[in-house]
Amino acid sequence: MVLFKPFPRIAIASAFMAGLAGCSPPTSKLEALAKNGMIQETAPIKADASILIDAPLPRVWKLISDIDHWPAWQPAITRAVLHGPLATESRFDWKGGGISVESRLMLVKPLKAISWTGRAMGLKAIHVWTFATDPSGRVLVRTRESMDGFPITLLYPSSRMQENDAHWLARLKQAAEAH
């Protein structure tokens, strides 16, 4: 979940209250989807973006999987802390765009895929990343994300999530190709 632009206070309060009211799917459903490398296709907010990176797959994987060091290459993220090993069920906390997010790794397939769920202000999200090498040796990185929780559609449209995910990919490409 990437929320780069801070929300007005009233919007934050509304989103929090809606989350408390149970307006989004149960966390267990989202976790099951994320464990299978899937997003919530019925979510009101979704994004799907990809990029080709001219760098070795292990370097690209290291940048995404080294959660504690996300702020070094992703300036929109000001804090990221993994609590435990890089493994399914491990929790991590991070802050992006002034929003604190509690996340849990749901799928970790080294050099192939990683996914997590995230919660912030009553919102629930799934973020899935996949990695593949093309015949020329470049790495195709695809990220898919979904978010649910009323009134998120009024505050954060899919187009903004798409834009933010494209920025994440561009920063990843820049960091991976800089070495």
C-alpha atoms as a PDB file:
ATOM      1  CA  MET A   1       0.000   0.000   0.000  1.00  0.00           C
ATOM      2  CA  VAL A   2       1.508   3.305  -1.040  1.00  0.00           C
ATOM      3  CA  LEU A   3      -0.182   6.526   0.005  1.00  0.00           C
ATOM      4  CA  PHE A   4       2.107   9.398  -0.896  1.00  0.00           C
ATOM      5  CA  LYS A   5      -0.161  12.405  -0.453  1.00  0.00           C
ATOM      6  CA  PRO A   6      -1.414  13.105   3.064  1.00  0.00           C
ATOM      7  CA  PHE A   7      -5.181  12.979   3.585  1.00  0.00           C
ATOM      8  CA  PRO A   8      -7.190  15.781   5.193  1.00  0.00           C
ATOM      9  CA  ARG A   9      -8.070  15.092   8.837  1.00  0.00           C
ATOM     10  CA  ILE A  10     -11.770  14.585   8.134  1.00  0.00           C
ATOM     11  CA  ALA A  11     -10.980  12.028   5.446  1.00  0.00           C
ATOM     12  CA  ILE A  12      -8.685  10.147   7.821  1.00  0.00           C
ATOM     13  CA  ALA A  13     -11.360  10.074  10.508  1.00  0.00           C
ATOM     14  CA  SER A  14     -13.984   8.897   8.010  1.00  0.00           C
ATOM     15  CA  ALA A  15     -11.766   6.129   6.667  1.00  0.00           C
ATOM     16  CA  PHE A  16     -10.885   4.994  10.181  1.00  0.00           C
ATOM     17  CA  MET A  17     -14.516   4.867  11.271  1.00  0.00           C
ATOM     18  CA  ALA A  18     -15.524   2.989   8.129  1.00  0.00           C
ATOM     19  CA  GLY A  19     -12.809   0.425   8.793  1.00  0.00           C
ATOM     20  CA  LEU A  20     -14.105  -0.041  12.300  1.00  0.00           C
ATOM     21  CA  ALA A  21     -17.573  -0.604  10.882  1.00  0.00           C
ATOM     22  CA  GLY A  22     -16.332  -3.586   8.858  1.00  0.00           C
ATOM     23  CA  CYS A  23     -16.846  -2.154   5.391  1.00  0.00           C
ATOM     24  CA  SER A  24     -14.030  -4.159   3.835  1.00  0.00           C
ATOM     25  CA  PRO A  25     -13.453  -7.914   3.545  1.00  0.00           C
ATOM     26  CA  PRO A  26     -12.103  -9.858   6.511  1.00  0.00           C
ATOM     27  CA  THR A  27      -8.339  -9.858   6.829  1.00  0.00           C
ATOM     28  CA  SER A  28      -8.286 -13.667   6.546  1.00  0.00           C
ATOM     29  CA  LYS A  29      -9.774 -13.483   3.025  1.00  0.00           C
ATOM     30  CA  LEU A  30      -7.181 -10.950   1.933  1.00  0.00           C
ATOM     31  CA  GLU A  31      -4.367 -12.994   3.468  1.00  0.00           C
ATOM     32  CA  ALA A  32      -5.538 -16.095   1.580  1.00  0.00           C
ATOM     33  CA  LEU A  33      -5.487 -14.157  -1.689  1.00  0.00           C
ATOM     34  CA  ALA A  34      -2.032 -12.709  -0.991  1.00  0.00           C
ATOM     35  CA  LYS A  35      -0.641 -16.157  -0.082  1.00  0.00           C
ATOM     36  CA  ASN A  36      -1.614 -17.235  -3.590  1.00  0.00           C
ATOM     37  CA  GLY A  37      -0.059 -14.173  -5.214  1.00  0.00           C
ATOM     38  CA  MET A  38      -3.442 -12.630  -5.959  1.00  0.00           C
ATOM     39  CA  ILE A  39      -5.017  -9.257  -5.251  1.00  0.00           C
ATOM     40  CA  GLN A  40      -8.653  -8.595  -4.391  1.00  0.00           C
ATOM     41  CA  GLU A  41     -10.134  -8.240  -7.884  1.00  0.00           C
ATOM     42  CA  THR A  42     -13.415  -6.888  -6.455  1.00  0.00           C
ATOM     43  CA  ALA A  43     -11.687  -4.090  -4.531  1.00  0.00           C
ATOM     44  CA  PRO A  44     -12.721  -0.556  -5.504  1.00  0.00           C
ATOM     45  CA  ILE A  45      -9.086   0.514  -5.901  1.00  0.00           C
ATOM     46  CA  LYS A  46      -6.666  -1.537  -8.010  1.00  0.00           C
ATOM     47  CA  ALA A  47      -3.432  -1.004  -9.905  1.00  0.00           C
ATOM     48  CA  ASP A  48      -1.287  -3.124 -12.212  1.00  0.00           C
ATOM     49  CA  ALA A  49       2.076  -1.830 -13.417  1.00  0.00           C
ATOM     50  CA  SER A  50       5.268  -3.323 -14.798  1.00  0.00           C
ATOM     51  CA  ILE A  51       8.721  -2.272 -15.893  1.00  0.00           C
ATOM     52  CA  LEU A  52      11.789  -3.801 -17.538  1.00  0.00           C
ATOM     53  CA  ILE A  53      14.991  -3.372 -15.557  1.00  0.00           C
ATOM     54  CA  ASP A  54      18.446  -3.796 -17.062  1.00  0.00           C
ATOM     55  CA  ALA A  55      20.067  -5.363 -13.996  1.00  0.00           C
ATOM     56  CA  PRO A  56      20.636  -8.856 -12.626  1.00  0.00           C
ATOM     57  CA  LEU A  57      17.604 -10.462 -11.016  1.00  0.00           C
ATOM     58  CA  PRO A  58      19.382 -11.010  -7.652  1.00  0.00           C
ATOM     59  CA  ARG A  59      20.084  -7.258  -7.413  1.00  0.00           C
ATOM     60  CA  VAL A  60      16.463  -6.347  -8.166  1.00  0.00           C
ATOM     61  CA  TRP A  61      15.180  -8.965  -5.699  1.00  0.00           C
ATOM     62  CA  LYS A  62      17.533  -7.689  -2.977  1.00  0.00           C
ATOM     63  CA  LEU A  63      16.182  -4.146  -3.291  1.00  0.00           C
ATOM     64  CA  ILE A  64      12.556  -5.253  -2.838  1.00  0.00           C
ATOM     65  CA  SER A  65      13.191  -7.969  -0.268  1.00  0.00           C
ATOM     66  CA  ASP A  66      15.486  -5.892   1.956  1.00  0.00           C
ATOM     67  CA  ILE A  67      12.546  -4.095   3.532  1.00  0.00           C
ATOM     68  CA  ASP A  68      14.595  -2.296   6.185  1.00  0.00           C
ATOM     69  CA  HIS A  69      16.469  -0.480   3.419  1.00  0.00           C
ATOM     70  CA  TRP A  70      13.498   0.655   1.314  1.00  0.00           C
ATOM     71  CA  PRO A  71      14.001   4.291   2.435  1.00  0.00           C
ATOM     72  CA  ALA A  72      17.503   4.258   0.885  1.00  0.00           C
ATOM     73  CA  TRP A  73      16.105   3.994  -2.644  1.00  0.00           C
ATOM     74  CA  GLN A  74      12.438   4.944  -2.219  1.00  0.00           C
ATOM     75  CA  PRO A  75      12.330   8.502  -0.800  1.00  0.00           C
ATOM     76  CA  ALA A  76       8.547   8.420  -0.295  1.00  0.00           C
ATOM     77  CA  ILE A  77       9.151   5.762   2.372  1.00  0.00           C
ATOM     78  CA  THR A  78      10.606   7.312   5.489  1.00  0.00           C
ATOM     79  CA  ARG A  79      10.697   4.214   7.709  1.00  0.00           C
ATOM     80  CA  ALA A  80      10.562   0.438   7.153  1.00  0.00           C
ATOM     81  CA  VAL A  81      11.244  -2.245   9.771  1.00  0.00           C
ATOM     82  CA  LEU A  82      10.924  -5.992   9.249  1.00  0.00           C
ATOM     83  CA  HIS A  83      10.179  -7.845  12.500  1.00  0.00           C
ATOM     84  CA  GLY A  84      11.769 -11.229  11.938  1.00  0.00           C
ATOM     85  CA  PRO A  85      13.097 -13.067   8.892  1.00  0.00           C
ATOM     86  CA  LEU A  86      12.055 -12.495   5.306  1.00  0.00           C
ATOM     87  CA  ALA A  87       9.434 -15.240   5.484  1.00  0.00           C
ATOM     88  CA  THR A  88       5.713 -15.813   5.207  1.00  0.00           C
ATOM     89  CA  GLU A  89       3.836 -14.465   8.241  1.00  0.00           C
ATOM     90  CA  SER A  90       6.627 -12.033   9.240  1.00  0.00           C
ATOM     91  CA  ARG A  91       5.351  -8.572  10.073  1.00  0.00           C
ATOM     92  CA  PHE A  92       6.808  -5.255   9.036  1.00  0.00           C
ATOM     93  CA  ASP A  93       5.893  -1.648   9.669  1.00  0.00           C
ATOM     94  CA  TRP A  94       6.588   1.187   7.329  1.00  0.00           C
ATOM     95  CA  LYS A  95       5.681   4.785   6.701  1.00  0.00           C
ATOM     96  CA  GLY A  96       5.043   6.335   3.318  1.00  0.00           C
ATOM     97  CA  GLY A  97       3.592   9.741   2.535  1.00  0.00           C
ATOM     98  CA  GLY A  98       3.026  10.375   6.217  1.00  0.00           C
ATOM     99  CA  ILE A  99       0.884   7.234   6.600  1.00  0.00           C
ATOM    100  CA  SER A 100       1.973   4.440   8.953  1.00  0.00           C
ATOM    101  CA  VAL A 101       1.232   0.973   7.576  1.00  0.00           C
ATOM    102  CA  GLU A 102       1.217  -2.380   9.382  1.00  0.00           C
ATOM    103  CA  SER A 103       2.039  -5.155   6.919  1.00  0.00           C
ATOM    104  CA  ARG A 104       2.484  -8.905   6.936  1.00  0.00           C
ATOM    105  CA  LEU A 105       4.370 -10.963   4.374  1.00  0.00           C
ATOM    106  CA  MET A 106       2.098 -13.588   2.869  1.00  0.00           C
ATOM    107  CA  LEU A 107       4.223 -15.001   0.032  1.00  0.00           C
ATOM    108  CA  VAL A 108       7.996 -15.118  -0.286  1.00  0.00           C
ATOM    109  CA  LYS A 109       9.416 -17.004  -3.294  1.00  0.00           C
ATOM    110  CA  PRO A 110      12.988 -15.751  -3.679  1.00  0.00           C
ATOM    111  CA  LEU A 111      13.719 -14.266  -7.090  1.00  0.00           C
ATOM    112  CA  LYS A 112      10.122 -14.985  -8.199  1.00  0.00           C
ATOM    113  CA  ALA A 113       7.437 -13.312  -6.058  1.00  0.00           C
ATOM    114  CA  ILE A 114       6.686 -11.504  -2.837  1.00  0.00           C
ATOM    115  CA  SER A 115       3.352 -10.309  -1.484  1.00  0.00           C
ATOM    116  CA  TRP A 116       2.034  -8.695   1.637  1.00  0.00           C
ATOM    117  CA  THR A 117      -1.119  -7.373   3.187  1.00  0.00           C
ATOM    118  CA  GLY A 118      -1.252  -3.936   4.735  1.00  0.00           C
ATOM    119  CA  ARG A 119      -3.529  -2.039   7.087  1.00  0.00           C
ATOM    120  CA  ALA A 120      -3.704   1.683   7.713  1.00  0.00           C
ATOM    121  CA  MET A 121      -6.518   3.932   8.938  1.00  0.00           C
ATOM    122  CA  GLY A 122      -9.110   1.177   8.584  1.00  0.00           C
ATOM    123  CA  LEU A 123      -8.039   0.421   5.007  1.00  0.00           C
ATOM    124  CA  LYS A 124      -6.864  -3.015   3.901  1.00  0.00           C
ATOM    125  CA  ALA A 125      -4.574  -3.703   0.968  1.00  0.00           C
ATOM    126  CA  ILE A 126      -2.744  -6.469  -0.859  1.00  0.00           C
ATOM    127  CA  HIS A 127       0.483  -5.821  -2.749  1.00  0.00           C
ATOM    128  CA  VAL A 128       1.946  -8.507  -5.036  1.00  0.00           C
ATOM    129  CA  TRP A 129       5.294  -8.281  -6.847  1.00  0.00           C
ATOM    130  CA  THR A 130       6.516 -10.789  -9.449  1.00  0.00           C
ATOM    131  CA  PHE A 131       9.894 -11.063 -11.170  1.00  0.00           C
ATOM    132  CA  ALA A 132      10.930 -12.785 -14.416  1.00  0.00           C
ATOM    133  CA  THR A 133      13.990 -12.582 -16.640  1.00  0.00           C
ATOM    134  CA  ASP A 134      13.431 -12.012 -20.350  1.00  0.00           C
ATOM    135  CA  PRO A 135      15.631 -13.608 -23.057  1.00  0.00           C
ATOM    136  CA  SER A 136      17.952 -10.567 -23.132  1.00  0.00           C
ATOM    137  CA  GLY A 137      18.598 -10.835 -19.372  1.00  0.00           C
ATOM    138  CA  ARG A 138      16.460  -7.889 -18.350  1.00  0.00           C
ATOM    139  CA  VAL A 139      14.110  -8.308 -15.406  1.00  0.00           C
ATOM    140  CA  LEU A 140      10.386  -7.815 -15.850  1.00  0.00           C
ATOM    141  CA  VAL A 141       8.919  -6.595 -12.561  1.00  0.00           C
ATOM    142  CA  ARG A 142       5.169  -6.511 -12.203  1.00  0.00           C
ATOM    143  CA  THR A 143       3.324  -5.090  -9.236  1.00  0.00           C
ATOM    144  CA  ARG A 144      -0.378  -5.495  -8.591  1.00  0.00           C
ATOM    145  CA  GLU A 145      -2.180  -3.878  -5.701  1.00  0.00           C
ATOM    146  CA  SER A 146      -5.712  -3.662  -4.347  1.00  0.00           C
ATOM    147  CA  MET A 147      -7.204  -1.574  -1.556  1.00  0.00           C
ATOM    148  CA  ASP A 148     -10.573  -1.622   0.158  1.00  0.00           C
ATOM    149  CA  GLY A 149     -12.316   0.288   2.922  1.00  0.00           C
ATOM    150  CA  PHE A 150     -14.995   2.940   2.560  1.00  0.00           C
ATOM    151  CA  PRO A 151     -14.718   5.840   1.598  1.00  0.00           C
ATOM    152  CA  ILE A 152     -11.389   5.160  -0.079  1.00  0.00           C
ATOM    153  CA  THR A 153     -12.845   5.559  -3.578  1.00  0.00           C
ATOM    154  CA  LEU A 154     -13.609   9.190  -2.816  1.00  0.00           C
ATOM    155  CA  LEU A 155     -10.106   9.912  -1.551  1.00  0.00           C
ATOM    156  CA  TYR A 156      -7.727   7.688  -3.456  1.00  0.00           C
ATOM    157  CA  PRO A 157      -8.781   6.601  -6.965  1.00  0.00           C
ATOM    158  CA  SER A 158      -7.208   3.697  -8.843  1.00  0.00           C
ATOM    159  CA  SER A 159      -5.466   6.203 -11.120  1.00  0.00           C
ATOM    160  CA  ARG A 160      -3.527   7.599  -8.160  1.00  0.00           C
ATOM    161  CA  MET A 161      -2.551   4.120  -6.972  1.00  0.00           C
ATOM    162  CA  GLN A 162      -1.441   3.309 -10.523  1.00  0.00           C
ATOM    163  CA  GLU A 163       0.675   6.470 -10.592  1.00  0.00           C
ATOM    164  CA  ASN A 164       2.246   5.719  -7.197  1.00  0.00           C
ATOM    165  CA  ASP A 165       3.051   2.124  -8.163  1.00  0.00           C
ATOM    166  CA  ALA A 166       4.642   3.370 -11.407  1.00  0.00           C
ATOM    167  CA  HIS A 167       6.803   5.712  -9.305  1.00  0.00           C
ATOM    168  CA  TRP A 168       7.831   2.781  -7.060  1.00  0.00           C
ATOM    169  CA  LEU A 169       8.849   0.795 -10.129  1.00  0.00           C
ATOM    170  CA  ALA A 170      10.776   3.733 -11.597  1.00  0.00           C
ATOM    171  CA  ARG A 171      12.707   4.148  -8.327  1.00  0.00           C
ATOM    172  CA  LEU A 172      13.407   0.421  -8.228  1.00  0.00           C
ATOM    173  CA  LYS A 173      14.721   0.556 -11.800  1.00  0.00           C
ATOM    174  CA  GLN A 174      16.875   3.589 -11.008  1.00  0.00           C
ATOM    175  CA  ALA A 175      18.388   1.916  -7.922  1.00  0.00           C
ATOM    176  CA  ALA A 176      18.965  -1.446  -9.604  1.00  0.00           C
ATOM    177  CA  GLU A 177      20.574   0.015 -12.715  1.00  0.00           C
ATOM    178  CA  ALA A 178      22.776   2.435 -10.733  1.00  0.00           C
ATOM    179  CA  HIS A 179      25.060  -0.302  -9.404  1.00  0.00           C
END
